[in-house]
Amino acid sequence: MHWVMWVFWGFIVTLLIGCHLVDFLTGRKYDFKEQEKSLNQNSAGSDTLREVARHDQQNGPF
């Protein structure tokens, strides 16, 4: 069972080093902040809200 520990922690360390290496090589150009939505996404969101509101008005409270 000792080898399982080495495989597990070796995988974790390899993953962390790989993440930092990719981050360094790409010049940290990846930004994980919320991106601005496209016009198509905004339109789809509006259509969905209108459709939900239409069903709420047609079905009544019960």
Protein backbone atom coordinates (compact mmCIF):
# COMPACT_ATOMS: atom_id res chain seq x y z
CA MET A 1 0.00 0.00 0.00
CA HIS A 2 2.99 2.27 0.34
CA TRP A 3 3.26 2.60 -3.44
CA VAL A 4 -0.33 3.90 -3.63
CA MET A 5 0.67 6.92 -1.57
CA TRP A 6 3.58 7.65 -3.93
CA VAL A 7 1.35 7.34 -6.98
CA PHE A 8 -1.32 9.61 -5.45
CA TRP A 9 1.02 12.36 -4.26
CA GLY A 10 3.14 12.04 -7.40
CA PHE A 11 0.05 12.67 -9.51
CA ILE A 12 -0.94 15.70 -7.41
CA VAL A 13 2.57 17.19 -7.58
CA THR A 14 2.79 16.54 -11.34
CA LEU A 15 -0.56 18.21 -11.84
CA LEU A 16 0.46 21.30 -9.86
CA ILE A 17 3.81 21.62 -11.61
CA GLY A 18 2.10 21.18 -14.99
CA CYS A 19 -0.43 23.92 -14.18
CA HIS A 20 2.29 26.35 -13.18
CA LEU A 21 4.36 25.47 -16.24
CA VAL A 22 1.43 26.06 -18.61
CA ASP A 23 0.66 29.32 -16.79
CA PHE A 24 4.27 30.45 -17.16
CA LEU A 25 4.62 29.43 -20.81
CA THR A 26 1.38 31.12 -21.89
CA GLY A 27 2.37 34.35 -20.16
CA ARG A 28 -0.63 34.28 -17.83
CA LYS A 29 -2.94 35.32 -20.65
CA TYR A 30 -5.84 33.24 -19.36
CA ASP A 31 -8.26 35.30 -17.30
CA PHE A 32 -10.93 33.44 -15.37
CA LYS A 33 -13.06 36.49 -14.63
CA GLU A 34 -16.57 36.46 -16.03
CA GLN A 35 -16.42 37.38 -19.68
CA GLU A 36 -18.82 39.69 -21.41
CA LYS A 37 -21.67 37.78 -23.01
CA SER A 38 -22.23 37.87 -26.74
CA LEU A 39 -25.32 39.42 -28.27
CA ASN A 40 -26.65 35.93 -29.06
CA GLN A 41 -26.33 34.85 -25.42
CA ASN A 42 -28.09 38.00 -24.20
CA SER A 43 -30.91 37.43 -26.69
CA ALA A 44 -31.31 33.78 -25.62
CA GLY A 45 -31.47 34.82 -21.96
CA SER A 46 -34.14 37.42 -22.70
CA ASP A 47 -36.19 34.93 -24.71
CA THR A 48 -36.02 32.43 -21.87
CA LEU A 49 -37.22 34.98 -19.30
CA ARG A 50 -40.10 36.04 -21.58
CA GLU A 51 -41.15 32.43 -22.09
CA VAL A 52 -41.10 31.72 -18.35
CA ALA A 53 -43.16 34.85 -17.66
CA ARG A 54 -45.67 33.87 -20.35
CA HIS A 55 -46.18 30.43 -18.77
CA ASP A 56 -46.58 31.97 -15.32
CA GLN A 57 -49.36 34.27 -16.59
CA GLN A 58 -51.22 31.55 -18.49
CA ASN A 59 -51.28 28.89 -15.78
CA GLY A 60 -52.46 31.03 -12.89
CA PRO A 61 -51.60 30.45 -9.24
CA PHE A 62 -52.93 26.85 -9.04
